[in-house]
PDB file of N, CA and C in Angstrom:
ATOM      1  N   MET A   1     111.780 145.696 104.860  1.00  0.00           N
ATOM      2  CA  MET A   1     111.835 144.728 103.792  1.00  0.00           C
ATOM      3  C   MET A   1     110.729 143.674 103.935  1.00  0.00           C
ATOM      4  N   ARG A   2     110.420 143.312 105.185  1.00  0.00           N
ATOM      5  CA  ARG A   2     109.348 142.334 105.407  1.00  0.00           C
ATOM      6  C   ARG A   2     108.012 142.877 104.928  1.00  0.00           C
ATOM      7  N   PHE A   3     107.786 144.177 105.183  1.00  0.00           N
ATOM      8  CA  PHE A   3     106.523 144.778 104.767  1.00  0.00           C
ATOM      9  C   PHE A   3     106.371 144.721 103.254  1.00  0.00           C
ATOM     10  N   LEU A   4     107.437 145.081 102.530  1.00  0.00           N
ATOM     11  CA  LEU A   4     107.388 145.060 101.073  1.00  0.00           C
ATOM     12  C   LEU A   4     107.197 143.628 100.563  1.00  0.00           C
ATOM     13  N   GLY A   5     107.905 142.675 101.155  1.00  0.00           N
ATOM     14  CA  GLY A   5     107.740 141.279 100.765  1.00  0.00           C
ATOM     15  C   GLY A   5     106.321 140.784 100.995  1.00  0.00           C
ATOM     16  N   ASN A   6     105.748 141.131 102.142  1.00  0.00           N
ATOM     17  CA  ASN A   6     104.377 140.696 102.441  1.00  0.00           C
ATOM     18  C   ASN A   6     103.365 141.377 101.529  1.00  0.00           C
ATOM     19  N   LEU A   7     103.621 142.633 101.176  1.00  0.00           N
ATOM     20  CA  LEU A   7     102.717 143.341 100.277  1.00  0.00           C
ATOM     21  C   LEU A   7     102.737 142.717  98.886  1.00  0.00           C
ATOM     22  N   LEU A   8     103.927 142.448  98.383  1.00  0.00           N
ATOM     23  CA  LEU A   8     104.038 141.802  97.077  1.00  0.00           C
ATOM     24  C   LEU A   8     103.521 140.367  97.120  1.00  0.00           C
ATOM     25  N   TRP A   9     103.665 139.731  98.269  1.00  0.00           N
ATOM     26  CA  TRP A   9     103.167 138.363  98.458  1.00  0.00           C
ATOM     27  C   TRP A   9     101.671 138.283  98.189  1.00  0.00           C
ATOM     28  N   LEU A  10     100.924 139.271  98.680  1.00  0.00           N
ATOM     29  CA  LEU A  10      99.480 139.277  98.462  1.00  0.00           C
ATOM     30  C   LEU A  10      99.152 139.332  96.979  1.00  0.00           C
ATOM     31  N   ILE A  11      99.959 140.077  96.223  1.00  0.00           N
ATOM     32  CA  ILE A  11      99.729 140.198  94.787  1.00  0.00           C
ATOM     33  C   ILE A  11     100.053 138.894  94.069  1.00  0.00           C
ATOM     34  N   PHE A  12     101.138 138.215  94.485  1.00  0.00           N
ATOM     35  CA  PHE A  12     101.604 137.014  93.801  1.00  0.00           C
ATOM     36  C   PHE A  12     100.954 135.734  94.307  1.00  0.00           C
ATOM     37  N   GLY A  13      99.782 135.802  94.867  1.00  0.00           N
ATOM     38  CA  GLY A  13      99.033 134.601  95.207  1.00  0.00           C
ATOM     39  C   GLY A  13      98.801 134.366  96.683  1.00  0.00           C
ATOM     40  N   GLY A  14      99.319 135.198  97.545  1.00  0.00           N
ATOM     41  CA  GLY A  14      99.119 135.006  98.975  1.00  0.00           C
ATOM     42  C   GLY A  14      97.666 135.147  99.387  1.00  0.00           C
ATOM     43  N   LEU A  15      96.969 136.049  98.743  1.00  0.00           N
ATOM     44  CA  LEU A  15      95.556 136.236  99.065  1.00  0.00           C
ATOM     45  C   LEU A  15      94.752 135.004  98.663  1.00  0.00           C
ATOM     46  N   ALA A  16      95.061 134.427  97.501  1.00  0.00           N
ATOM     47  CA  ALA A  16      94.371 133.204  97.070  1.00  0.00           C
ATOM     48  C   ALA A  16      94.664 132.052  98.023  1.00  0.00           C
ATOM     49  N   SER A  17      95.894 131.985  98.496  1.00  0.00           N
ATOM     50  CA  SER A  17      96.262 130.942  99.456  1.00  0.00           C
ATOM     51  C   SER A  17      95.490 131.103 100.762  1.00  0.00           C
ATOM     52  N   ALA A  18      95.407 132.316 101.254  1.00  0.00           N
ATOM     53  CA  ALA A  18      94.679 132.574 102.496  1.00  0.00           C
ATOM     54  C   ALA A  18      93.196 132.246 102.340  1.00  0.00           C
ATOM     55  N   LEU A  19      92.634 132.568 101.189  1.00  0.00           N
ATOM     56  CA  LEU A  19      91.228 132.245 100.957  1.00  0.00           C
ATOM     57  C   LEU A  19      91.015 130.733 100.897  1.00  0.00           C
ATOM     58  N   GLY A  20      91.969 130.011 100.342  1.00  0.00           N
ATOM     59  CA  GLY A  20      91.873 128.545 100.322  1.00  0.00           C
ATOM     60  C   GLY A  20      91.892 127.953 101.717  1.00  0.00           C
ATOM     61  N   TRP A  21      92.792 128.467 102.562  1.00  0.00           N
ATOM     62  CA  TRP A  21      92.847 128.008 103.954  1.00  0.00           C
ATOM     63  C   TRP A  21      91.557 128.356 104.687  1.00  0.00           C
ATOM     64  N   ALA A  22      91.029 129.559 104.461  1.00  0.00           N
ATOM     65  CA  ALA A  22      89.800 129.966 105.142  1.00  0.00           C
ATOM     66  C   ALA A  22      88.617 129.105 104.696  1.00  0.00           C
ATOM     67  N   LEU A  23      88.569 128.753 103.406  1.00  0.00           N
ATOM     68  CA  LEU A  23      87.510 127.882 102.920  1.00  0.00           C
ATOM     69  C   LEU A  23      87.609 126.496 103.547  1.00  0.00           C
ATOM     70  N   ALA A  24      88.828 125.968 103.617  1.00  0.00           N
ATOM     71  CA  ALA A  24      89.019 124.666 104.266  1.00  0.00           C
ATOM     72  C   ALA A  24      88.600 124.729 105.728  1.00  0.00           C
ATOM     73  N   GLY A  25      88.935 125.815 106.417  1.00  0.00           N
ATOM     74  CA  GLY A  25      88.536 125.974 107.820  1.00  0.00           C
ATOM     75  C   GLY A  25      87.036 126.045 107.988  1.00  0.00           C
ATOM     76  N   ALA A  26      86.373 126.750 107.091  1.00  0.00           N
ATOM     77  CA  ALA A  26      84.915 126.848 107.174  1.00  0.00           C
ATOM     78  C   ALA A  26      84.262 125.485 106.944  1.00  0.00           C
ATOM     79  N   LEU A  27      84.804 124.710 105.996  1.00  0.00           N
ATOM     80  CA  LEU A  27      84.241 123.377 105.748  1.00  0.00           C
ATOM     81  C   LEU A  27      84.466 122.446 106.932  1.00  0.00           C
ATOM     82  N   TRP A  28      85.619 122.533 107.569  1.00  0.00           N
ATOM     83  CA  TRP A  28      85.883 121.690 108.738  1.00  0.00           C
ATOM     84  C   TRP A  28      85.002 122.078 109.918  1.00  0.00           C
ATOM     85  N   CYS A  29      84.688 123.344 110.065  1.00  0.00           N
ATOM     86  CA  CYS A  29      83.910 123.801 111.221  1.00  0.00           C
ATOM     87  C   CYS A  29      82.425 123.477 111.116  1.00  0.00           C
ATOM     88  N   VAL A  30      82.007 122.859 110.037  1.00  0.00           N
ATOM     89  CA  VAL A  30      80.598 122.478 109.896  1.00  0.00           C
ATOM     90  C   VAL A  30      80.213 121.455 110.958  1.00  0.00           C
ATOM     91  N   THR A  31      81.126 120.553 111.286  1.00  0.00           N
ATOM     92  CA  THR A  31      80.835 119.549 112.307  1.00  0.00           C
ATOM     93  C   THR A  31      81.548 119.912 113.610  1.00  0.00           C
ATOM     94  N   ILE A  32      81.032 119.425 114.699  1.00  0.00           N
ATOM     95  CA  ILE A  32      81.625 119.706 116.003  1.00  0.00           C
ATOM     96  C   ILE A  32      82.998 119.061 116.112  1.00  0.00           C
ATOM     97  N   LEU A  33      83.158 117.857 115.606  1.00  0.00           N
ATOM     98  CA  LEU A  33      84.450 117.179 115.684  1.00  0.00           C
ATOM     99  C   LEU A  33      85.510 117.846 114.814  1.00  0.00           C
ATOM    100  N   GLY A  34      85.095 118.574 113.786  1.00  0.00           N
ATOM    101  CA  GLY A  34      86.044 119.221 112.894  1.00  0.00           C
ATOM    102  C   GLY A  34      86.489 120.595 113.327  1.00  0.00           C
ATOM    103  N   ILE A  35      85.935 121.123 114.399  1.00  0.00           N
ATOM    104  CA  ILE A  35      86.270 122.481 114.829  1.00  0.00           C
ATOM    105  C   ILE A  35      87.756 122.647 115.155  1.00  0.00           C
ATOM    106  N   PRO A  36      88.427 121.725 115.854  1.00  0.00           N
ATOM    107  CA  PRO A  36      89.864 121.918 116.081  1.00  0.00           C
ATOM    108  C   PRO A  36      90.680 121.976 114.786  1.00  0.00           C
ATOM    109  N   VAL A  37      90.276 121.183 113.822  1.00  0.00           N
ATOM    110  CA  VAL A  37      90.972 121.205 112.530  1.00  0.00           C
ATOM    111  C   VAL A  37      90.680 122.520 111.808  1.00  0.00           C
ATOM    112  N   GLY A  38      89.445 122.967 111.880  1.00  0.00           N
ATOM    113  CA  GLY A  38      89.079 124.243 111.260  1.00  0.00           C
ATOM    114  C   GLY A  38      89.818 125.411 111.867  1.00  0.00           C
ATOM    115  N   MET A  39      89.987 125.392 113.177  1.00  0.00           N
ATOM    116  CA  MET A  39      90.733 126.472 113.828  1.00  0.00           C
ATOM    117  C   MET A  39      92.193 126.470 113.379  1.00  0.00           C
ATOM    118  N   GLN A  40      92.741 125.277 113.136  1.00  0.00           N
ATOM    119  CA  GLN A  40      94.102 125.168 112.618  1.00  0.00           C
ATOM    120  C   GLN A  40      94.181 125.811 111.223  1.00  0.00           C
ATOM    121  N   CYS A  41      93.165 125.579 110.421  1.00  0.00           N
ATOM    122  CA  CYS A  41      93.126 126.177 109.083  1.00  0.00           C
ATOM    123  C   CYS A  41      93.093 127.701 109.150  1.00  0.00           C
ATOM    124  N   PHE A  42      92.311 128.230 110.071  1.00  0.00           N
ATOM    125  CA  PHE A  42      92.238 129.684 110.205  1.00  0.00           C
ATOM    126  C   PHE A  42      93.572 130.271 110.657  1.00  0.00           C
ATOM    127  N   LYS A  43      94.281 129.537 111.506  1.00  0.00           N
ATOM    128  CA  LYS A  43      95.599 129.994 111.947  1.00  0.00           C
ATOM    129  C   LYS A  43      96.552 130.088 110.755  1.00  0.00           C
ATOM    130  N   PHE A  44      96.494 129.102 109.871  1.00  0.00           N
ATOM    131  CA  PHE A  44      97.381 129.110 108.718  1.00  0.00           C
ATOM    132  C   PHE A  44      96.903 130.052 107.622  1.00  0.00           C
ATOM    133  N   ALA A  45      95.624 130.389 107.616  1.00  0.00           N
ATOM    134  CA  ALA A  45      95.148 131.424 106.701  1.00  0.00           C
ATOM    135  C   ALA A  45      95.777 132.761 107.078  1.00  0.00           C
ATOM    136  N   ALA A  46      95.856 133.019 108.372  1.00  0.00           N
ATOM    137  CA  ALA A  46      96.506 134.249 108.823  1.00  0.00           C
ATOM    138  C   ALA A  46      97.997 134.240 108.493  1.00  0.00           C
ATOM    139  N   LEU A  47      98.643 133.076 108.613  1.00  0.00           N
ATOM    140  CA  LEU A  47     100.060 132.973 108.275  1.00  0.00           C
ATOM    141  C   LEU A  47     100.280 133.198 106.793  1.00  0.00           C
ATOM    142  N   SER A  48      99.400 132.687 105.954  1.00  0.00           N
ATOM    143  CA  SER A  48      99.607 132.831 104.527  1.00  0.00           C
ATOM    144  C   SER A  48      99.299 134.238 104.028  1.00  0.00           C
ATOM    145  N   LEU A  49      98.742 135.093 104.872  1.00  0.00           N
ATOM    146  CA  LEU A  49      98.594 136.496 104.488  1.00  0.00           C
ATOM    147  C   LEU A  49      99.910 137.249 104.588  1.00  0.00           C
ATOM    148  N   CYS A  50     100.765 136.904 105.538  1.00  0.00           N
ATOM    149  CA  CYS A  50     102.067 137.573 105.667  1.00  0.00           C
ATOM    150  C   CYS A  50     103.117 136.593 106.194  1.00  0.00           C
ATOM    151  N   PRO A  51     103.703 135.779 105.300  1.00  0.00           N
ATOM    152  CA  PRO A  51     104.653 134.752 105.733  1.00  0.00           C
ATOM    153  C   PRO A  51     106.080 135.251 105.923  1.00  0.00           C
ATOM    154  N   PHE A  52     106.425 136.381 105.328  1.00  0.00           N
ATOM    155  CA  PHE A  52     107.786 136.879 105.475  1.00  0.00           C
ATOM    156  C   PHE A  52     108.024 137.322 106.904  1.00  0.00           C
ATOM    157  N   GLY A  53     109.154 136.940 107.441  1.00  0.00           N
ATOM    158  CA  GLY A  53     109.480 137.282 108.819  1.00  0.00           C
ATOM    159  C   GLY A  53     108.975 136.263 109.824  1.00  0.00           C
ATOM    160  N   LYS A  54     108.476 135.146 109.340  1.00  0.00           N
ATOM    161  CA  LYS A  54     107.992 134.091 110.227  1.00  0.00           C
ATOM    162  C   LYS A  54     108.614 132.773 109.813  1.00  0.00           C
ATOM    163  N   GLU A  55     108.832 131.898 110.792  1.00  0.00           N
ATOM    164  CA  GLU A  55     109.348 130.569 110.514  1.00  0.00           C
ATOM    165  C   GLU A  55     108.435 129.539 111.163  1.00  0.00           C
ATOM    166  N   VAL A  56     108.461 128.339 110.628  1.00  0.00           N
ATOM    167  CA  VAL A  56     107.628 127.254 111.129  1.00  0.00           C
ATOM    168  C   VAL A  56     108.537 126.203 111.739  1.00  0.00           C
ATOM    169  N   VAL A  57     108.235 125.829 112.978  1.00  0.00           N
ATOM    170  CA  VAL A  57     108.982 124.797 113.687  1.00  0.00           C
ATOM    171  C   VAL A  57     108.070 123.583 113.814  1.00  0.00           C
ATOM    172  N   PHE A  58     108.532 122.458 113.287  1.00  0.00           N
ATOM    173  CA  PHE A  58     107.726 121.239 113.305  1.00  0.00           C
ATOM    174  C   PHE A  58     108.057 120.408 114.529  1.00  0.00           C
ATOM    175  N   GLY A  59     107.045 119.789 115.103  1.00  0.00           N
ATOM    176  CA  GLY A  59     107.208 118.933 116.279  1.00  0.00           C
ATOM    177  C   GLY A  59     105.880 118.269 116.580  1.00  0.00           C
ATOM    178  N   GLY A  60     105.733 117.808 117.783  1.00  0.00           N
ATOM    179  CA  GLY A  60     104.463 117.199 118.176  1.00  0.00           C
ATOM    180  C   GLY A  60     104.657 115.793 118.692  1.00  0.00           C
ATOM    181  N   GLY A  61     103.571 115.230 119.191  1.00  0.00           N
ATOM    182  CA  GLY A  61     103.602 113.887 119.756  1.00  0.00           C
ATOM    183  C   GLY A  61     102.697 112.943 119.007  1.00  0.00           C
ATOM    184  N   ALA A  62     102.235 111.902 119.707  1.00  0.00           N
ATOM    185  CA  ALA A  62     101.406 110.862 119.091  1.00  0.00           C
ATOM    186  C   ALA A  62     100.057 111.415 118.624  1.00  0.00           C
ATOM    187  N   GLY A  63      99.479 112.298 119.403  1.00  0.00           N
ATOM    188  CA  GLY A  63      98.200 112.897 119.008  1.00  0.00           C
ATOM    189  C   GLY A  63      98.336 113.713 117.735  1.00  0.00           C
ATOM    190  N   SER A  64      99.439 114.413 117.611  1.00  0.00           N
ATOM    191  CA  SER A  64      99.681 115.193 116.398  1.00  0.00           C
ATOM    192  C   SER A  64      99.833 114.295 115.185  1.00  0.00           C
ATOM    193  N   VAL A  65     100.470 113.152 115.362  1.00  0.00           N
ATOM    194  CA  VAL A  65     100.652 112.215 114.243  1.00  0.00           C
ATOM    195  C   VAL A  65      99.304 111.701 113.763  1.00  0.00           C
ATOM    196  N   LEU A  66      98.431 111.341 114.679  1.00  0.00           N
ATOM    197  CA  LEU A  66      97.112 110.839 114.285  1.00  0.00           C
ATOM    198  C   LEU A  66      96.290 111.909 113.569  1.00  0.00           C
ATOM    199  N   LEU A  67      96.310 113.119 114.104  1.00  0.00           N
ATOM    200  CA  LEU A  67      95.573 114.197 113.452  1.00  0.00           C
ATOM    201  C   LEU A  67      96.189 114.564 112.105  1.00  0.00           C
ATOM    202  N   ASN A  68      97.515 114.511 111.997  1.00  0.00           N
ATOM    203  CA  ASN A  68      98.166 114.806 110.724  1.00  0.00           C
ATOM    204  C   ASN A  68      97.815 113.778 109.653  1.00  0.00           C
ATOM    205  N   ILE A  69      97.662 112.516 110.041  1.00  0.00           N
ATOM    206  CA  ILE A  69      97.268 111.484 109.069  1.00  0.00           C
ATOM    207  C   ILE A  69      95.854 111.746 108.565  1.00  0.00           C
ATOM    208  N   LEU A  70      94.932 112.048 109.469  1.00  0.00           N
ATOM    209  CA  LEU A  70      93.568 112.383 109.081  1.00  0.00           C
ATOM    210  C   LEU A  70      93.554 113.630 108.202  1.00  0.00           C
ATOM    211  N   TRP A  71      94.310 114.625 108.604  1.00  0.00           N
ATOM    212  CA  TRP A  71      94.415 115.879 107.862  1.00  0.00           C
ATOM    213  C   TRP A  71      94.949 115.637 106.449  1.00  0.00           C
ATOM    214  N   LEU A  72      96.002 114.822 106.348  1.00  0.00           N
ATOM    215  CA  LEU A  72      96.646 114.564 105.063  1.00  0.00           C
ATOM    216  C   LEU A  72      95.671 113.939 104.078  1.00  0.00           C
ATOM    217  N   VAL A  73      94.880 112.998 104.543  1.00  0.00           N
ATOM    218  CA  VAL A  73      93.944 112.298 103.662  1.00  0.00           C
ATOM    219  C   VAL A  73      92.805 113.211 103.220  1.00  0.00           C
ATOM    220  N   LEU A  74      92.283 114.009 104.124  1.00  0.00           N
ATOM    221  CA  LEU A  74      91.075 114.785 103.819  1.00  0.00           C
ATOM    222  C   LEU A  74      91.332 116.175 103.244  1.00  0.00           C
ATOM    223  N   THR A  75      92.385 116.855 103.697  1.00  0.00           N
ATOM    224  CA  THR A  75      92.574 118.243 103.298  1.00  0.00           C
ATOM    225  C   THR A  75      94.008 118.559 102.882  1.00  0.00           C
ATOM    226  N   GLY A  76      94.968 117.979 103.533  1.00  0.00           N
ATOM    227  CA  GLY A  76      96.356 118.394 103.384  1.00  0.00           C
ATOM    228  C   GLY A  76      96.957 118.180 102.012  1.00  0.00           C
ATOM    229  N   LEU A  77      96.697 117.052 101.399  1.00  0.00           N
ATOM    230  CA  LEU A  77      97.320 116.752 100.114  1.00  0.00           C
ATOM    231  C   LEU A  77      96.890 117.722  99.012  1.00  0.00           C
ATOM    232  N   PRO A  78      95.591 118.012  98.844  1.00  0.00           N
ATOM    233  CA  PRO A  78      95.222 118.996  97.813  1.00  0.00           C
ATOM    234  C   PRO A  78      95.796 120.383  98.087  1.00  0.00           C
ATOM    235  N   MET A  79      95.817 120.802  99.358  1.00  0.00           N
ATOM    236  CA  MET A  79      96.376 122.112  99.682  1.00  0.00           C
ATOM    237  C   MET A  79      97.878 122.140  99.425  1.00  0.00           C
ATOM    238  N   ALA A  80      98.581 121.072  99.770  1.00  0.00           N
ATOM    239  CA  ALA A  80     100.025 121.020  99.540  1.00  0.00           C
ATOM    240  C   ALA A  80     100.344 121.045  98.052  1.00  0.00           C
ATOM    241  N   LEU A  81      99.565 120.332  97.257  1.00  0.00           N
ATOM    242  CA  LEU A  81      99.785 120.342  95.815  1.00  0.00           C
ATOM    243  C   LEU A  81      99.535 121.721  95.216  1.00  0.00           C
ATOM    244  N   ALA A  82      98.523 122.406  95.700  1.00  0.00           N
ATOM    245  CA  ALA A  82      98.243 123.761  95.210  1.00  0.00           C
ATOM    246  C   ALA A  82      99.376 124.713  95.572  1.00  0.00           C
ATOM    247  N   HIS A  83      99.865 124.633  96.812  1.00  0.00           N
ATOM    248  CA  HIS A  83     100.981 125.490  97.217  1.00  0.00           C
ATOM    249  C   HIS A  83     102.241 125.166  96.430  1.00  0.00           C
ATOM    250  N   ALA A  84     102.511 123.886  96.194  1.00  0.00           N
ATOM    251  CA  ALA A  84     103.696 123.493  95.432  1.00  0.00           C
ATOM    252  C   ALA A  84     103.595 123.967  93.985  1.00  0.00           C
ATOM    253  N   ALA A  85     102.404 123.914  93.414  1.00  0.00           N
ATOM    254  CA  ALA A  85     102.223 124.382  92.037  1.00  0.00           C
ATOM    255  C   ALA A  85     102.488 125.881  91.940  1.00  0.00           C
ATOM    256  N   TRP A  86     101.961 126.654  92.898  1.00  0.00           N
ATOM    257  CA  TRP A  86     102.234 128.098  92.922  1.00  0.00           C
ATOM    258  C   TRP A  86     103.724 128.352  93.091  1.00  0.00           C
ATOM    259  N   GLY A  87     104.370 127.583  93.956  1.00  0.00           N
ATOM    260  CA  GLY A  87     105.803 127.750  94.183  1.00  0.00           C
ATOM    261  C   GLY A  87     106.611 127.486  92.926  1.00  0.00           C
ATOM    262  N   CYS A  88     106.278 126.425  92.208  1.00  0.00           N
ATOM    263  CA  CYS A  88     106.985 126.111  90.952  1.00  0.00           C
ATOM    264  C   CYS A  88     106.745 127.201  89.914  1.00  0.00           C
ATOM    265  N   LEU A  89     105.525 127.671  89.837  1.00  0.00           N
ATOM    266  CA  LEU A  89     105.199 128.722  88.880  1.00  0.00           C
ATOM    267  C   LEU A  89     105.986 130.003  89.164  1.00  0.00           C
ATOM    268  N   LEU A  90     106.107 130.362  90.418  1.00  0.00           N
ATOM    269  CA  LEU A  90     106.816 131.593  90.766  1.00  0.00           C
ATOM    270  C   LEU A  90     108.329 131.442  90.682  1.00  0.00           C
ATOM    271  N   CYS A  91     108.850 130.252  90.849  1.00  0.00           N
ATOM    272  CA  CYS A  91     110.304 130.055  90.791  1.00  0.00           C
ATOM    273  C   CYS A  91     110.842 130.040  89.366  1.00  0.00           C
ATOM    274  N   VAL A  92     109.985 130.180  88.383  1.00  0.00           N
ATOM    275  CA  VAL A  92     110.442 130.236  86.998  1.00  0.00           C
ATOM    276  C   VAL A  92     111.250 131.515  86.763  1.00  0.00           C
ATOM    277  N   THR A  93     110.866 132.601  87.404  1.00  0.00           N
ATOM    278  CA  THR A  93     111.590 133.862  87.254  1.00  0.00           C
ATOM    279  C   THR A  93     112.456 134.113  88.480  1.00  0.00           C
ATOM    280  N   VAL A  94     113.499 134.882  88.309  1.00  0.00           N
ATOM    281  CA  VAL A  94     114.402 135.200  89.410  1.00  0.00           C
ATOM    282  C   VAL A  94     113.688 136.059  90.454  1.00  0.00           C
ATOM    283  N   ILE A  95     112.859 136.959  90.018  1.00  0.00           N
ATOM    284  CA  ILE A  95     112.147 137.845  90.945  1.00  0.00           C
ATOM    285  C   ILE A  95     111.150 137.062  91.797  1.00  0.00           C
ATOM    286  N   GLY A  96     110.581 136.009  91.245  1.00  0.00           N
ATOM    287  CA  GLY A  96     109.568 135.242  91.961  1.00  0.00           C
ATOM    288  C   GLY A  96     110.111 134.203  92.916  1.00  0.00           C
ATOM    289  N   ILE A  97     111.430 133.966  92.929  1.00  0.00           N
ATOM    290  CA  ILE A  97     111.995 132.907  93.770  1.00  0.00           C
ATOM    291  C   ILE A  97     111.693 133.092  95.255  1.00  0.00           C
ATOM    292  N   PRO A  98     111.847 134.285  95.845  1.00  0.00           N
ATOM    293  CA  PRO A  98     111.513 134.407  97.273  1.00  0.00           C
ATOM    294  C   PRO A  98     110.055 134.083  97.578  1.00  0.00           C
ATOM    295  N   PHE A  99     109.175 134.421  96.649  1.00  0.00           N
ATOM    296  CA  PHE A  99     107.762 134.142  96.853  1.00  0.00           C
ATOM    297  C   PHE A  99     107.474 132.655  96.665  1.00  0.00           C
ATOM    298  N   GLY A 100     108.136 132.041  95.699  1.00  0.00           N
ATOM    299  CA  GLY A 100     107.991 130.605  95.497  1.00  0.00           C
ATOM    300  C   GLY A 100     108.468 129.821  96.704  1.00  0.00           C
ATOM    301  N   LEU A 101     109.553 130.275  97.325  1.00  0.00           N
ATOM    302  CA  LEU A 101     110.057 129.603  98.525  1.00  0.00           C
ATOM    303  C   LEU A 101     109.060 129.696  99.675  1.00  0.00           C
ATOM    304  N   GLN A 102     108.335 130.790  99.774  1.00  0.00           N
ATOM    305  CA  GLN A 102     107.301 130.910 100.807  1.00  0.00           C
ATOM    306  C   GLN A 102     106.165 129.926 100.543  1.00  0.00           C
ATOM    307  N   PHE A 103     105.826 129.739  99.263  1.00  0.00           N
ATOM    308  CA  PHE A 103     104.800 128.757  98.942  1.00  0.00           C
ATOM    309  C   PHE A 103     105.262 127.342  99.259  1.00  0.00           C
ATOM    310  N   PHE A 104     106.558 127.051  99.060  1.00  0.00           N
ATOM    311  CA  PHE A 104     107.070 125.730  99.425  1.00  0.00           C
ATOM    312  C   PHE A 104     107.024 125.520 100.939  1.00  0.00           C
ATOM    313  N   LYS A 105     107.278 126.601 101.697  1.00  0.00           N
ATOM    314  CA  LYS A 105     107.158 126.516 103.151  1.00  0.00           C
ATOM    315  C   LYS A 105     105.710 126.198 103.545  1.00  0.00           C
ATOM    316  N   LEU A 106     104.770 126.841 102.894  1.00  0.00           N
ATOM    317  CA  LEU A 106     103.357 126.578 103.180  1.00  0.00           C
ATOM    318  C   LEU A 106     102.933 125.194 102.699  1.00  0.00           C
ATOM    319  N   ALA A 107     103.545 124.702 101.619  1.00  0.00           N
ATOM    320  CA  ALA A 107     103.219 123.351 101.147  1.00  0.00           C
ATOM    321  C   ALA A 107     103.634 122.311 102.176  1.00  0.00           C
ATOM    322  N   ARG A 108     104.811 122.472 102.738  1.00  0.00           N
ATOM    323  CA  ARG A 108     105.258 121.536 103.776  1.00  0.00           C
ATOM    324  C   ARG A 108     104.363 121.634 105.005  1.00  0.00           C
ATOM    325  N   LEU A 109     104.003 122.848 105.351  1.00  0.00           N
ATOM    326  CA  LEU A 109     103.121 123.057 106.493  1.00  0.00           C
ATOM    327  C   LEU A 109     101.733 122.470 106.221  1.00  0.00           C
ATOM    328  N   SER A 110     101.296 122.486 104.974  1.00  0.00           N
ATOM    329  CA  SER A 110      99.994 121.922 104.624  1.00  0.00           C
ATOM    330  C   SER A 110      99.947 120.417 104.841  1.00  0.00           C
ATOM    331  N   LEU A 111     101.095 119.769 104.773  1.00  0.00           N
ATOM    332  CA  LEU A 111     101.128 118.329 104.985  1.00  0.00           C
ATOM    333  C   LEU A 111     101.066 117.953 106.461  1.00  0.00           C
ATOM    334  N   PHE A 112     101.726 118.731 107.315  1.00  0.00           N
ATOM    335  CA  PHE A 112     101.830 118.388 108.744  1.00  0.00           C
ATOM    336  C   PHE A 112     101.579 119.611 109.624  1.00  0.00           C
ATOM    337  N   PRO A 113     100.343 120.094 109.720  1.00  0.00           N
ATOM    338  CA  PRO A 113     100.102 121.308 110.500  1.00  0.00           C
ATOM    339  C   PRO A 113     100.033 121.092 112.012  1.00  0.00           C
ATOM    340  N   PHE A 114      99.641 119.894 112.437  1.00  0.00           N
ATOM    341  CA  PHE A 114      99.469 119.669 113.869  1.00  0.00           C
ATOM    342  C   PHE A 114     100.811 119.424 114.523  1.00  0.00           C
ATOM    343  N   GLY A 115     101.033 120.085 115.630  1.00  0.00           N
ATOM    344  CA  GLY A 115     102.293 119.996 116.343  1.00  0.00           C
ATOM    345  C   GLY A 115     103.305 121.025 115.870  1.00  0.00           C
ATOM    346  N   SER A 116     102.984 121.778 114.840  1.00  0.00           N
ATOM    347  CA  SER A 116     103.905 122.802 114.355  1.00  0.00           C
ATOM    348  C   SER A 116     103.582 124.146 115.003  1.00  0.00           C
ATOM    349  N   GLN A 117     104.604 124.966 115.112  1.00  0.00           N
ATOM    350  CA  GLN A 117     104.446 126.294 115.707  1.00  0.00           C
ATOM    351  C   GLN A 117     104.963 127.339 114.730  1.00  0.00           C
ATOM    352  N   VAL A 118     104.288 128.476 114.686  1.00  0.00           N
ATOM    353  CA  VAL A 118     104.715 129.590 113.871  1.00  0.00           C
ATOM    354  C   VAL A 118     105.388 130.608 114.780  1.00  0.00           C
ATOM    355  N   ARG A 119     106.617 130.946 114.443  1.00  0.00           N
ATOM    356  CA  ARG A 119     107.383 131.896 115.253  1.00  0.00           C
ATOM    357  C   ARG A 119     107.887 133.031 114.386  1.00  0.00           C
ATOM    358  N   HIS A 120     108.082 134.171 115.000  1.00  0.00           N
ATOM    359  CA  HIS A 120     108.703 135.297 114.300  1.00  0.00           C
ATOM    360  C   HIS A 120     110.194 135.036 114.202  1.00  0.00           C
ATOM    361  N   SER A 121     110.746 135.179 113.013  1.00  0.00           N
ATOM    362  CA  SER A 121     112.176 134.945 112.839  1.00  0.00           C
ATOM    363  C   SER A 121     112.949 136.206 113.183  1.00  0.00           C
ATOM    364  N   LEU A 122     114.181 136.023 113.523  1.00  0.00           N
ATOM    365  CA  LEU A 122     115.014 137.146 113.924  1.00  0.00           C
ATOM    366  C   LEU A 122     115.623 137.858 112.730  1.00  0.00           C
ATOM    367  N   LEU A 123     115.629 137.217 111.574  1.00  0.00           N
ATOM    368  CA  LEU A 123     116.259 137.829 110.398  1.00  0.00           C
ATOM    369  C   LEU A 123     115.321 138.704 109.667  1.00  0.00           C
TER     370      LEU A 123
END
């Protein structure tokens, strides 16, 4: 079931989401100081290619809070709004609700990526 969900996910906007994350990562990696942020973007680009069967656990310390604030101002807010818009668009139909919920998960992750971990879910 995860395979089918991930396959349909790519059709319903997952590929566009992954490309957005990859573009953000490439822009961050232009400077030496932005490389850690860019690597975070690439990690989430891979997550947005197949989000079914994975869960995100939020946490972190003071360093994560500072990086999340910088991230939110420069990159996170536009990405979160784009993910939320896709989620709302897909939740209009009953068939699109599972995919819309994945976009909402990515929208929350777009706001606070530092200190979060991606884990395989047991369900």
